[in-house]
């Protein structure tokens, strides 16, 4: 795919630009969300976002579609109950995704399990 720049902002929009030309390649919107963090998986096949709506979204890079979501926390379930300010794929293990929220929770997601519902 070459080098790309993926950016997001507090209006809920995600933009992807070609690294060499700066030309916009794709954009999308997460309605009613302020995106506060995003990260690419090391192999470039997925990216994740987190923001105001307390949901971690995992995207397929090729299709640019959401393949799974970790929804807001419910009783006895993993998730966040406040804004997510950081999502980060582990560099040493391509199957782990971390998220940190203003709720002082850190979640660790196993990507293979997280995408098993596909």
PDB file of N, CA and C in Angstrom:
ATOM      1  N   UNK A   1       0.818  -1.186   0.000  1.00  0.00           N
ATOM      2  CA  UNK A   1       0.000   0.000   0.000  1.00  0.00           C
ATOM      3  C   UNK A   1       0.864   1.253   0.000  1.00  0.00           C
ATOM      4  N   UNK A   2       2.085   1.168   0.450  1.00  0.00           N
ATOM      5  CA  UNK A   2       2.932   2.353   0.532  1.00  0.00           C
ATOM      6  C   UNK A   2       2.692   3.105   1.818  1.00  0.00           C
ATOM      7  N   UNK A   3       3.321   4.263   1.941  1.00  0.00           N
ATOM      8  CA  UNK A   3       3.159   5.038   3.169  1.00  0.00           C
ATOM      9  C   UNK A   3       1.877   5.855   3.127  1.00  0.00           C
ATOM     10  N   UNK A   4       1.185   5.856   4.242  1.00  0.00           N
ATOM     11  CA  UNK A   4      -0.052   6.616   4.375  1.00  0.00           C
ATOM     12  C   UNK A   4      -0.047   7.331   5.713  1.00  0.00           C
ATOM     13  N   UNK A   5      -0.874   8.338   5.802  1.00  0.00           N
ATOM     14  CA  UNK A   5      -1.082   9.058   7.047  1.00  0.00           C
ATOM     15  C   UNK A   5      -2.552   8.936   7.394  1.00  0.00           C
ATOM     16  N   UNK A   6      -2.842   8.442   8.581  1.00  0.00           N
ATOM     17  CA  UNK A   6      -4.207   8.304   9.057  1.00  0.00           C
ATOM     18  C   UNK A   6      -4.400   9.312  10.171  1.00  0.00           C
ATOM     19  N   UNK A   7      -5.397  10.177  10.033  1.00  0.00           N
ATOM     20  CA  UNK A   7      -5.656  11.200  11.045  1.00  0.00           C
ATOM     21  C   UNK A   7      -7.141  11.198  11.389  1.00  0.00           C
ATOM     22  N   UNK A   8      -7.432  11.681  12.574  1.00  0.00           N
ATOM     23  CA  UNK A   8      -8.823  11.792  13.016  1.00  0.00           C
ATOM     24  C   UNK A   8      -8.956  13.067  13.817  1.00  0.00           C
ATOM     25  N   UNK A   9     -10.205  13.511  13.984  1.00  0.00           N
ATOM     26  CA  UNK A   9     -10.396  14.727  14.773  1.00  0.00           C
ATOM     27  C   UNK A   9     -11.672  14.653  15.588  1.00  0.00           C
ATOM     28  N   UNK A  10     -11.930  15.726  16.311  1.00  0.00           N
ATOM     29  CA  UNK A  10     -13.046  15.725  17.247  1.00  0.00           C
ATOM     30  C   UNK A  10     -14.397  15.949  16.592  1.00  0.00           C
ATOM     31  N   UNK A  11     -14.448  16.010  15.274  1.00  0.00           N
ATOM     32  CA  UNK A  11     -15.755  16.031  14.615  1.00  0.00           C
ATOM     33  C   UNK A  11     -16.160  14.625  14.179  1.00  0.00           C
ATOM     34  N   UNK A  12     -15.389  13.617  14.606  1.00  0.00           N
ATOM     35  CA  UNK A  12     -15.720  12.225  14.307  1.00  0.00           C
ATOM     36  C   UNK A  12     -15.220  11.739  12.971  1.00  0.00           C
ATOM     37  N   UNK A  13     -14.441  12.534  12.256  1.00  0.00           N
ATOM     38  CA  UNK A  13     -13.980  12.148  10.928  1.00  0.00           C
ATOM     39  C   UNK A  13     -12.595  11.511  10.989  1.00  0.00           C
ATOM     40  N   UNK A  14     -12.408  10.516  10.121  1.00  0.00           N
ATOM     41  CA  UNK A  14     -11.124   9.855   9.915  1.00  0.00           C
ATOM     42  C   UNK A  14     -10.723  10.130   8.471  1.00  0.00           C
ATOM     43  N   UNK A  15      -9.466  10.509   8.273  1.00  0.00           N
ATOM     44  CA  UNK A  15      -8.948  10.786   6.940  1.00  0.00           C
ATOM     45  C   UNK A  15      -7.696   9.957   6.709  1.00  0.00           C
ATOM     46  N   UNK A  16      -7.541   9.482   5.477  1.00  0.00           N
ATOM     47  CA  UNK A  16      -6.319   8.788   5.096  1.00  0.00           C
ATOM     48  C   UNK A  16      -5.726   9.514   3.899  1.00  0.00           C
ATOM     49  N   UNK A  17      -4.431   9.833   4.012  1.00  0.00           N
ATOM     50  CA  UNK A  17      -3.727  10.566   2.963  1.00  0.00           C
ATOM     51  C   UNK A  17      -2.546   9.744   2.458  1.00  0.00           C
ATOM     52  N   UNK A  18      -2.233   9.892   1.168  1.00  0.00           N
ATOM     53  CA  UNK A  18      -1.041   9.277   0.598  1.00  0.00           C
ATOM     54  C   UNK A  18       0.180   9.975   1.178  1.00  0.00           C
ATOM     55  N   UNK A  19       1.135   9.195   1.659  1.00  0.00           N
ATOM     56  CA  UNK A  19       2.303   9.756   2.313  1.00  0.00           C
ATOM     57  C   UNK A  19       3.162  10.621   1.408  1.00  0.00           C
ATOM     58  N   UNK A  20       3.312  10.246   0.146  1.00  0.00           N
ATOM     59  CA  UNK A  20       4.199  10.983  -0.755  1.00  0.00           C
ATOM     60  C   UNK A  20       3.551  12.223  -1.346  1.00  0.00           C
ATOM     61  N   UNK A  21       2.262  12.138  -1.661  1.00  0.00           N
ATOM     62  CA  UNK A  21       1.603  13.253  -2.354  1.00  0.00           C
ATOM     63  C   UNK A  21       0.731  14.106  -1.452  1.00  0.00           C
ATOM     64  N   UNK A  22       0.306  13.559  -0.327  1.00  0.00           N
ATOM     65  CA  UNK A  22      -0.606  14.277   0.551  1.00  0.00           C
ATOM     66  C   UNK A  22      -2.037  14.265   0.054  1.00  0.00           C
ATOM     67  N   UNK A  23      -2.308  13.524  -1.009  1.00  0.00           N
ATOM     68  CA  UNK A  23      -3.656  13.443  -1.566  1.00  0.00           C
ATOM     69  C   UNK A  23      -4.558  12.600  -0.659  1.00  0.00           C
ATOM     70  N   UNK A  24      -5.770  13.119  -0.418  1.00  0.00           N
ATOM     71  CA  UNK A  24      -6.730  12.360   0.387  1.00  0.00           C
ATOM     72  C   UNK A  24      -7.157  11.120  -0.378  1.00  0.00           C
ATOM     73  N   UNK A  25      -7.054   9.961   0.304  1.00  0.00           N
ATOM     74  CA  UNK A  25      -7.404   8.683  -0.315  1.00  0.00           C
ATOM     75  C   UNK A  25      -8.768   8.182   0.143  1.00  0.00           C
ATOM     76  N   UNK A  26      -9.155   8.564   1.375  1.00  0.00           N
ATOM     77  CA  UNK A  26     -10.385   8.023   1.959  1.00  0.00           C
ATOM     78  C   UNK A  26     -10.752   8.856   3.162  1.00  0.00           C
ATOM     79  N   UNK A  27     -12.054   8.925   3.461  1.00  0.00           N
ATOM     80  CA  UNK A  27     -12.487   9.519   4.725  1.00  0.00           C
ATOM     81  C   UNK A  27     -13.802   8.893   5.136  1.00  0.00           C
ATOM     82  N   UNK A  28     -14.070   8.967   6.413  1.00  0.00           N
ATOM     83  CA  UNK A  28     -15.286   8.391   6.968  1.00  0.00           C
ATOM     84  C   UNK A  28     -15.635   9.146   8.240  1.00  0.00           C
ATOM     85  N   UNK A  29     -16.846   8.897   8.743  1.00  0.00           N
ATOM     86  CA  UNK A  29     -17.276   9.559   9.964  1.00  0.00           C
ATOM     87  C   UNK A  29     -17.826   8.556  10.957  1.00  0.00           C
ATOM     88  N   UNK A  30     -17.424   8.699  12.199  1.00  0.00           N
ATOM     89  CA  UNK A  30     -18.041   7.986  13.309  1.00  0.00           C
ATOM     90  C   UNK A  30     -19.041   8.968  13.901  1.00  0.00           C
ATOM     91  N   UNK A  31     -20.296   8.812  13.555  1.00  0.00           N
ATOM     92  CA  UNK A  31     -21.335   9.767  13.949  1.00  0.00           C
ATOM     93  C   UNK A  31     -21.390   9.948  15.460  1.00  0.00           C
ATOM     94  N   UNK A  32     -21.565  11.186  15.881  1.00  0.00           N
ATOM     95  CA  UNK A  32     -21.708  11.532  17.299  1.00  0.00           C
ATOM     96  C   UNK A  32     -20.522  11.090  18.156  1.00  0.00           C
ATOM     97  N   UNK A  33     -19.330  11.093  17.579  1.00  0.00           N
ATOM     98  CA  UNK A  33     -18.140  10.717  18.329  1.00  0.00           C
ATOM     99  C   UNK A  33     -17.057  11.758  18.123  1.00  0.00           C
ATOM    100  N   UNK A  34     -16.291  12.019  19.168  1.00  0.00           N
ATOM    101  CA  UNK A  34     -15.049  12.786  19.065  1.00  0.00           C
ATOM    102  C   UNK A  34     -13.952  11.730  19.098  1.00  0.00           C
ATOM    103  N   UNK A  35     -13.222  11.565  18.024  1.00  0.00           N
ATOM    104  CA  UNK A  35     -12.149  10.571  18.007  1.00  0.00           C
ATOM    105  C   UNK A  35     -10.929  11.189  18.674  1.00  0.00           C
ATOM    106  N   UNK A  36     -10.490  10.559  19.739  1.00  0.00           N
ATOM    107  CA  UNK A  36      -9.377  11.081  20.523  1.00  0.00           C
ATOM    108  C   UNK A  36      -8.086  10.294  20.313  1.00  0.00           C
ATOM    109  N   UNK A  37      -8.177   9.085  19.735  1.00  0.00           N
ATOM    110  CA  UNK A  37      -6.995   8.266  19.539  1.00  0.00           C
ATOM    111  C   UNK A  37      -7.210   7.272  18.416  1.00  0.00           C
ATOM    112  N   UNK A  38      -6.129   6.963  17.706  1.00  0.00           N
ATOM    113  CA  UNK A  38      -6.161   5.895  16.713  1.00  0.00           C
ATOM    114  C   UNK A  38      -4.770   5.312  16.588  1.00  0.00           C
ATOM    115  N   UNK A  39      -4.702   4.072  16.112  1.00  0.00           N
ATOM    116  CA  UNK A  39      -3.419   3.410  15.925  1.00  0.00           C
ATOM    117  C   UNK A  39      -3.556   2.328  14.867  1.00  0.00           C
ATOM    118  N   UNK A  40      -2.476   2.143  14.108  1.00  0.00           N
ATOM    119  CA  UNK A  40      -2.372   1.053  13.139  1.00  0.00           C
ATOM    120  C   UNK A  40      -1.746  -0.164  13.791  1.00  0.00           C
ATOM    121  N   UNK A  41      -2.214  -1.334  13.405  1.00  0.00           N
ATOM    122  CA  UNK A  41      -1.550  -2.578  13.764  1.00  0.00           C
ATOM    123  C   UNK A  41      -0.223  -2.611  13.006  1.00  0.00           C
ATOM    124  N   UNK A  42       0.811  -3.216  13.573  1.00  0.00           N
ATOM    125  CA  UNK A  42       2.155  -3.196  12.985  1.00  0.00           C
ATOM    126  C   UNK A  42       2.186  -3.711  11.541  1.00  0.00           C
ATOM    127  N   UNK A  43       1.356  -4.695  11.213  1.00  0.00           N
ATOM    128  CA  UNK A  43       1.356  -5.224   9.847  1.00  0.00           C
ATOM    129  C   UNK A  43       0.528  -4.375   8.882  1.00  0.00           C
ATOM    130  N   UNK A  44      -0.117  -3.323   9.402  1.00  0.00           N
ATOM    131  CA  UNK A  44      -0.892  -2.424   8.560  1.00  0.00           C
ATOM    132  C   UNK A  44      -2.238  -2.955   8.111  1.00  0.00           C
ATOM    133  N   UNK A  45      -2.652  -4.112   8.607  1.00  0.00           N
ATOM    134  CA  UNK A  45      -3.901  -4.722   8.149  1.00  0.00           C
ATOM    135  C   UNK A  45      -5.133  -4.220   8.898  1.00  0.00           C
ATOM    136  N   UNK A  46      -4.934  -3.592  10.046  1.00  0.00           N
ATOM    137  CA  UNK A  46      -6.049  -3.091  10.848  1.00  0.00           C
ATOM    138  C   UNK A  46      -5.662  -1.774  11.497  1.00  0.00           C
ATOM    139  N   UNK A  47      -6.684  -1.004  11.870  1.00  0.00           N
ATOM    140  CA  UNK A  47      -6.465   0.148  12.729  1.00  0.00           C
ATOM    141  C   UNK A  47      -7.623   0.244  13.699  1.00  0.00           C
ATOM    142  N   UNK A  48      -7.389   0.942  14.792  1.00  0.00           N
ATOM    143  CA  UNK A  48      -8.391   1.058  15.850  1.00  0.00           C
ATOM    144  C   UNK A  48      -8.582   2.524  16.205  1.00  0.00           C
ATOM    145  N   UNK A  49      -9.800   2.855  16.665  1.00  0.00           N
ATOM    146  CA  UNK A  49     -10.096   4.203  17.126  1.00  0.00           C
ATOM    147  C   UNK A  49     -10.764   4.131  18.497  1.00  0.00           C
ATOM    148  N   UNK A  50     -10.662   5.227  19.223  1.00  0.00           N
ATOM    149  CA  UNK A  50     -11.345   5.374  20.503  1.00  0.00           C
ATOM    150  C   UNK A  50     -11.671   6.832  20.712  1.00  0.00           C
ATOM    151  N   UNK A  51     -12.743   7.106  21.457  1.00  0.00           N
ATOM    152  CA  UNK A  51     -13.114   8.496  21.664  1.00  0.00           C
ATOM    153  C   UNK A  51     -14.193   8.705  22.692  1.00  0.00           C
ATOM    154  N   UNK A  52     -14.972   9.753  22.459  1.00  0.00           N
ATOM    155  CA  UNK A  52     -15.969  10.229  23.408  1.00  0.00           C
ATOM    156  C   UNK A  52     -17.085   9.218  23.687  1.00  0.00           C
ATOM    157  N   UNK A  53     -17.433   8.400  22.705  1.00  0.00           N
ATOM    158  CA  UNK A  53     -18.574   7.497  22.886  1.00  0.00           C
ATOM    159  C   UNK A  53     -18.241   6.199  23.632  1.00  0.00           C
ATOM    160  N   UNK A  54     -17.013   6.095  24.169  1.00  0.00           N
ATOM    161  CA  UNK A  54     -16.599   4.967  25.006  1.00  0.00           C
ATOM    162  C   UNK A  54     -16.460   3.650  24.250  1.00  0.00           C
ATOM    163  N   UNK A  55     -16.379   3.684  22.928  1.00  0.00           N
ATOM    164  CA  UNK A  55     -16.322   2.477  22.111  1.00  0.00           C
ATOM    165  C   UNK A  55     -14.968   2.386  21.413  1.00  0.00           C
ATOM    166  N   UNK A  56     -14.329   1.209  21.499  1.00  0.00           N
ATOM    167  CA  UNK A  56     -13.138   0.928  20.701  1.00  0.00           C
ATOM    168  C   UNK A  56     -13.627   0.261  19.425  1.00  0.00           C
ATOM    169  N   UNK A  57     -13.263   0.851  18.281  1.00  0.00           N
ATOM    170  CA  UNK A  57     -13.644   0.284  16.985  1.00  0.00           C
ATOM    171  C   UNK A  57     -12.411  -0.271  16.299  1.00  0.00           C
ATOM    172  N   UNK A  58     -12.543  -1.480  15.777  1.00  0.00           N
ATOM    173  CA  UNK A  58     -11.469  -2.129  15.045  1.00  0.00           C
ATOM    174  C   UNK A  58     -11.863  -2.158  13.570  1.00  0.00           C
ATOM    175  N   UNK A  59     -11.018  -1.571  12.718  1.00  0.00           N
ATOM    176  CA  UNK A  59     -11.286  -1.464  11.286  1.00  0.00           C
ATOM    177  C   UNK A  59     -10.384  -2.396  10.496  1.00  0.00           C
ATOM    178  N   UNK A  60     -10.906  -2.932   9.413  1.00  0.00           N
ATOM    179  CA  UNK A  60     -10.114  -3.647   8.421  1.00  0.00           C
ATOM    180  C   UNK A  60      -9.518  -2.597   7.483  1.00  0.00           C
ATOM    181  N   UNK A  61      -8.212  -2.574   7.306  1.00  0.00           N
ATOM    182  CA  UNK A  61      -7.560  -1.559   6.483  1.00  0.00           C
ATOM    183  C   UNK A  61      -7.986  -1.656   5.019  1.00  0.00           C
ATOM    184  N   UNK A  62      -8.117  -2.848   4.503  1.00  0.00           N
ATOM    185  CA  UNK A  62      -8.443  -3.028   3.090  1.00  0.00           C
ATOM    186  C   UNK A  62      -9.836  -2.514   2.751  1.00  0.00           C
ATOM    187  N   UNK A  63     -10.829  -2.876   3.557  1.00  0.00           N
ATOM    188  CA  UNK A  63     -12.215  -2.502   3.258  1.00  0.00           C
ATOM    189  C   UNK A  63     -12.625  -1.191   3.915  1.00  0.00           C
ATOM    190  N   UNK A  64     -11.863  -0.762   4.914  1.00  0.00           N
ATOM    191  CA  UNK A  64     -12.156   0.440   5.709  1.00  0.00           C
ATOM    192  C   UNK A  64     -13.480   0.311   6.468  1.00  0.00           C
ATOM    193  N   UNK A  65     -13.870  -0.899   6.759  1.00  0.00           N
ATOM    194  CA  UNK A  65     -15.109  -1.168   7.494  1.00  0.00           C
ATOM    195  C   UNK A  65     -14.791  -1.571   8.931  1.00  0.00           C
ATOM    196  N   UNK A  66     -15.693  -1.222   9.836  1.00  0.00           N
ATOM    197  CA  UNK A  66     -15.577  -1.660  11.223  1.00  0.00           C
ATOM    198  C   UNK A  66     -15.836  -3.159  11.265  1.00  0.00           C
ATOM    199  N   UNK A  67     -14.868  -3.911  11.807  1.00  0.00           N
ATOM    200  CA  UNK A  67     -15.031  -5.361  11.893  1.00  0.00           C
ATOM    201  C   UNK A  67     -15.481  -5.808  13.278  1.00  0.00           C
ATOM    202  N   UNK A  68     -15.293  -4.942  14.273  1.00  0.00           N
ATOM    203  CA  UNK A  68     -15.804  -5.262  15.594  1.00  0.00           C
ATOM    204  C   UNK A  68     -15.711  -4.028  16.481  1.00  0.00           C
ATOM    205  N   UNK A  69     -16.475  -4.040  17.554  1.00  0.00           N
ATOM    206  CA  UNK A  69     -16.505  -2.936  18.511  1.00  0.00           C
ATOM    207  C   UNK A  69     -16.489  -3.482  19.926  1.00  0.00           C
ATOM    208  N   UNK A  70     -15.747  -2.812  20.784  1.00  0.00           N
ATOM    209  CA  UNK A  70     -15.820  -3.077  22.214  1.00  0.00           C
ATOM    210  C   UNK A  70     -16.675  -1.958  22.778  1.00  0.00           C
ATOM    211  N   UNK A  71     -17.914  -2.282  23.091  1.00  0.00           N
ATOM    212  CA  UNK A  71     -18.902  -1.278  23.507  1.00  0.00           C
ATOM    213  C   UNK A  71     -18.652  -0.788  24.919  1.00  0.00           C
ATOM    214  N   UNK A  72     -19.404   0.232  25.265  1.00  0.00           N
ATOM    215  CA  UNK A  72     -19.333   0.780  26.621  1.00  0.00           C
ATOM    216  C   UNK A  72     -19.554  -0.330  27.633  1.00  0.00           C
ATOM    217  N   UNK A  73     -18.925  -0.145  28.777  1.00  0.00           N
ATOM    218  CA  UNK A  73     -18.985  -1.166  29.815  1.00  0.00           C
ATOM    219  C   UNK A  73     -20.420  -1.375  30.302  1.00  0.00           C
ATOM    220  N   UNK A  74     -20.738  -2.625  30.526  1.00  0.00           N
ATOM    221  CA  UNK A  74     -21.993  -3.003  31.160  1.00  0.00           C
ATOM    222  C   UNK A  74     -21.613  -3.815  32.394  1.00  0.00           C
ATOM    223  N   UNK A  75     -22.521  -4.015  33.269  1.00  0.00           N
ATOM    224  CA  UNK A  75     -22.242  -4.729  34.502  1.00  0.00           C
ATOM    225  C   UNK A  75     -21.544  -6.060  34.221  1.00  0.00           C
ATOM    226  N   UNK A  76     -20.424  -6.290  34.867  1.00  0.00           N
ATOM    227  CA  UNK A  76     -19.630  -7.521  34.744  1.00  0.00           C
ATOM    228  C   UNK A  76     -19.102  -7.787  33.347  1.00  0.00           C
ATOM    229  N   UNK A  77     -18.926  -6.753  32.520  1.00  0.00           N
ATOM    230  CA  UNK A  77     -18.365  -6.929  31.192  1.00  0.00           C
ATOM    231  C   UNK A  77     -17.196  -5.971  31.011  1.00  0.00           C
ATOM    232  N   UNK A  78     -16.283  -6.333  30.120  1.00  0.00           N
ATOM    233  CA  UNK A  78     -15.112  -5.512  29.835  1.00  0.00           C
ATOM    234  C   UNK A  78     -15.509  -4.340  28.948  1.00  0.00           C
ATOM    235  N   UNK A  79     -14.934  -3.185  29.206  1.00  0.00           N
ATOM    236  CA  UNK A  79     -15.185  -2.015  28.382  1.00  0.00           C
ATOM    237  C   UNK A  79     -14.907  -0.746  29.157  1.00  0.00           C
ATOM    238  N   UNK A  80     -15.298   0.381  28.592  1.00  0.00           N
ATOM    239  CA  UNK A  80     -15.077   1.680  29.224  1.00  0.00           C
ATOM    240  C   UNK A  80     -16.411   2.347  29.517  1.00  0.00           C
ATOM    241  N   UNK A  81     -16.435   3.151  30.576  1.00  0.00           N
ATOM    242  CA  UNK A  81     -17.642   3.911  30.882  1.00  0.00           C
ATOM    243  C   UNK A  81     -17.381   5.412  30.819  1.00  0.00           C
ATOM    244  N   UNK A  82     -16.270   5.784  30.175  1.00  0.00           N
ATOM    245  CA  UNK A  82     -15.952   7.179  29.939  1.00  0.00           C
ATOM    246  C   UNK A  82     -15.070   7.251  28.704  1.00  0.00           C
ATOM    247  N   UNK A  83     -14.764   8.450  28.280  1.00  0.00           N
ATOM    248  CA  UNK A  83     -14.002   8.652  27.042  1.00  0.00           C
ATOM    249  C   UNK A  83     -12.719   7.827  27.015  1.00  0.00           C
ATOM    250  N   UNK A  84     -12.380   7.392  25.808  1.00  0.00           N
ATOM    251  CA  UNK A  84     -11.150   6.637  25.581  1.00  0.00           C
ATOM    252  C   UNK A  84     -10.126   7.604  25.006  1.00  0.00           C
ATOM    253  N   UNK A  85      -9.009   7.744  25.699  1.00  0.00           N
ATOM    254  CA  UNK A  85      -8.007   8.697  25.211  1.00  0.00           C
ATOM    255  C   UNK A  85      -6.788   8.028  24.596  1.00  0.00           C
ATOM    256  N   UNK A  86      -6.717   6.692  24.610  1.00  0.00           N
ATOM    257  CA  UNK A  86      -5.590   6.025  23.976  1.00  0.00           C
ATOM    258  C   UNK A  86      -5.969   4.620  23.526  1.00  0.00           C
ATOM    259  N   UNK A  87      -5.675   4.302  22.272  1.00  0.00           N
ATOM    260  CA  UNK A  87      -5.708   2.929  21.767  1.00  0.00           C
ATOM    261  C   UNK A  87      -4.329   2.657  21.179  1.00  0.00           C
ATOM    262  N   UNK A  88      -3.793   1.472  21.464  1.00  0.00           N
ATOM    263  CA  UNK A  88      -2.441   1.163  21.014  1.00  0.00           C
ATOM    264  C   UNK A  88      -2.277  -0.327  20.806  1.00  0.00           C
ATOM    265  N   UNK A  89      -1.830  -0.707  19.608  1.00  0.00           N
ATOM    266  CA  UNK A  89      -1.496  -2.100  19.335  1.00  0.00           C
ATOM    267  C   UNK A  89      -0.126  -2.395  19.931  1.00  0.00           C
ATOM    268  N   UNK A  90       0.028  -3.582  20.512  1.00  0.00           N
ATOM    269  CA  UNK A  90       1.312  -3.986  21.084  1.00  0.00           C
ATOM    270  C   UNK A  90       2.316  -4.227  19.962  1.00  0.00           C
ATOM    271  N   UNK A  91       3.524  -3.744  20.139  1.00  0.00           N
ATOM    272  CA  UNK A  91       4.563  -3.943  19.122  1.00  0.00           C
ATOM    273  C   UNK A  91       5.133  -5.352  19.175  1.00  0.00           C
ATOM    274  N   UNK A  92       5.210  -5.934  20.361  1.00  0.00           N
ATOM    275  CA  UNK A  92       5.816  -7.246  20.523  1.00  0.00           C
ATOM    276  C   UNK A  92       4.844  -8.400  20.317  1.00  0.00           C
ATOM    277  N   UNK A  93       3.553  -8.110  20.309  1.00  0.00           N
ATOM    278  CA  UNK A  93       2.542  -9.154  20.089  1.00  0.00           C
ATOM    279  C   UNK A  93       1.447  -8.576  19.203  1.00  0.00           C
ATOM    280  N   UNK A  94       1.406  -8.947  17.934  1.00  0.00           N
ATOM    281  CA  UNK A  94       0.447  -8.370  16.994  1.00  0.00           C
ATOM    282  C   UNK A  94      -1.012  -8.697  17.300  1.00  0.00           C
ATOM    283  N   UNK A  95      -1.247  -9.533  18.294  1.00  0.00           N
ATOM    284  CA  UNK A  95      -2.615  -9.927  18.629  1.00  0.00           C
ATOM    285  C   UNK A  95      -3.197  -9.163  19.809  1.00  0.00           C
ATOM    286  N   UNK A  96      -2.473  -8.172  20.344  1.00  0.00           N
ATOM    287  CA  UNK A  96      -2.951  -7.428  21.507  1.00  0.00           C
ATOM    288  C   UNK A  96      -3.239  -5.974  21.158  1.00  0.00           C
ATOM    289  N   UNK A  97      -4.365  -5.473  21.660  1.00  0.00           N
ATOM    290  CA  UNK A  97      -4.739  -4.073  21.528  1.00  0.00           C
ATOM    291  C   UNK A  97      -5.084  -3.558  22.920  1.00  0.00           C
ATOM    292  N   UNK A  98      -4.480  -2.440  23.303  1.00  0.00           N
ATOM    293  CA  UNK A  98      -4.725  -1.815  24.598  1.00  0.00           C
ATOM    294  C   UNK A  98      -5.592  -0.582  24.410  1.00  0.00           C
ATOM    295  N   UNK A  99      -6.416  -0.278  25.392  1.00  0.00           N
ATOM    296  CA  UNK A  99      -7.150   0.988  25.401  1.00  0.00           C
ATOM    297  C   UNK A  99      -7.168   1.520  26.827  1.00  0.00           C
ATOM    298  N   UNK A 100      -7.136   2.849  26.931  1.00  0.00           N
ATOM    299  CA  UNK A 100      -7.123   3.510  28.234  1.00  0.00           C
ATOM    300  C   UNK A 100      -8.187   4.598  28.211  1.00  0.00           C
ATOM    301  N   UNK A 101      -8.991   4.672  29.273  1.00  0.00           N
ATOM    302  CA  UNK A 101     -10.077   5.637  29.318  1.00  0.00           C
ATOM    303  C   UNK A 101      -9.987   6.579  30.499  1.00  0.00           C
ATOM    304  N   UNK A 102     -10.768   7.639  30.423  1.00  0.00           N
ATOM    305  CA  UNK A 102     -10.865   8.585  31.530  1.00  0.00           C
ATOM    306  C   UNK A 102     -11.499   7.931  32.751  1.00  0.00           C
ATOM    307  N   UNK A 103     -12.039   6.736  32.582  1.00  0.00           N
ATOM    308  CA  UNK A 103     -12.605   5.984  33.696  1.00  0.00           C
ATOM    309  C   UNK A 103     -11.517   5.278  34.507  1.00  0.00           C
ATOM    310  N   UNK A 104     -10.256   5.497  34.151  1.00  0.00           N
ATOM    311  CA  UNK A 104      -9.086   4.909  34.796  1.00  0.00           C
ATOM    312  C   UNK A 104      -8.989   3.410  34.562  1.00  0.00           C
ATOM    313  N   UNK A 105      -9.647   2.917  33.519  1.00  0.00           N
ATOM    314  CA  UNK A 105      -9.566   1.506  33.159  1.00  0.00           C
ATOM    315  C   UNK A 105      -8.615   1.327  31.982  1.00  0.00           C
ATOM    316  N   UNK A 106      -7.870   0.249  32.024  1.00  0.00           N
ATOM    317  CA  UNK A 106      -7.047  -0.181  30.899  1.00  0.00           C
ATOM    318  C   UNK A 106      -7.619  -1.510  30.443  1.00  0.00           C
ATOM    319  N   UNK A 107      -7.929  -1.623  29.157  1.00  0.00           N
ATOM    320  CA  UNK A 107      -8.402  -2.911  28.640  1.00  0.00           C
ATOM    321  C   UNK A 107      -7.324  -3.484  27.737  1.00  0.00           C
ATOM    322  N   UNK A 108      -7.213  -4.786  27.756  1.00  0.00           N
ATOM    323  CA  UNK A 108      -6.299  -5.512  26.884  1.00  0.00           C
ATOM    324  C   UNK A 108      -7.148  -6.485  26.087  1.00  0.00           C
ATOM    325  N   UNK A 109      -7.149  -6.304  24.769  1.00  0.00           N
ATOM    326  CA  UNK A 109      -7.980  -7.126  23.900  1.00  0.00           C
ATOM    327  C   UNK A 109      -7.124  -8.073  23.073  1.00  0.00           C
ATOM    328  N   UNK A 110      -7.517  -9.304  23.008  1.00  0.00           N
ATOM    329  CA  UNK A 110      -6.875 -10.293  22.146  1.00  0.00           C
ATOM    330  C   UNK A 110      -7.533 -10.180  20.776  1.00  0.00           C
ATOM    331  N   UNK A 111      -6.804  -9.694  19.784  1.00  0.00           N
ATOM    332  CA  UNK A 111      -7.365  -9.394  18.463  1.00  0.00           C
ATOM    333  C   UNK A 111      -7.985 -10.615  17.812  1.00  0.00           C
ATOM    334  N   UNK A 112      -7.338 -11.780  17.902  1.00  0.00           N
ATOM    335  CA  UNK A 112      -7.904 -12.985  17.296  1.00  0.00           C
ATOM    336  C   UNK A 112      -9.276 -13.288  17.863  1.00  0.00           C
ATOM    337  N   UNK A 113      -9.427 -13.107  19.188  1.00  0.00           N
ATOM    338  CA  UNK A 113     -10.725 -13.340  19.824  1.00  0.00           C
ATOM    339  C   UNK A 113     -11.703 -12.216  19.471  1.00  0.00           C
ATOM    340  N   UNK A 114     -11.187 -10.994  19.419  1.00  0.00           N
ATOM    341  CA  UNK A 114     -12.004  -9.821  19.154  1.00  0.00           C
ATOM    342  C   UNK A 114     -12.628  -9.869  17.748  1.00  0.00           C
ATOM    343  N   UNK A 115     -11.934 -10.493  16.805  1.00  0.00           N
ATOM    344  CA  UNK A 115     -12.436 -10.588  15.437  1.00  0.00           C
ATOM    345  C   UNK A 115     -13.045 -11.947  15.121  1.00  0.00           C
ATOM    346  N   UNK A 116     -13.157 -12.814  16.113  1.00  0.00           N
ATOM    347  CA  UNK A 116     -13.676 -14.157  15.885  1.00  0.00           C
ATOM    348  C   UNK A 116     -15.121 -14.172  15.421  1.00  0.00           C
ATOM    349  N   UNK A 117     -15.867 -13.111  15.713  1.00  0.00           N
ATOM    350  CA  UNK A 117     -17.286 -13.068  15.345  1.00  0.00           C
ATOM    351  C   UNK A 117     -17.492 -12.761  13.859  1.00  0.00           C
ATOM    352  N   UNK A 118     -16.422 -12.484  13.144  1.00  0.00           N
ATOM    353  CA  UNK A 118     -16.556 -12.122  11.721  1.00  0.00           C
ATOM    354  C   UNK A 118     -16.954 -13.277  10.858  1.00  0.00           C
TER     355      UNK A 118
END
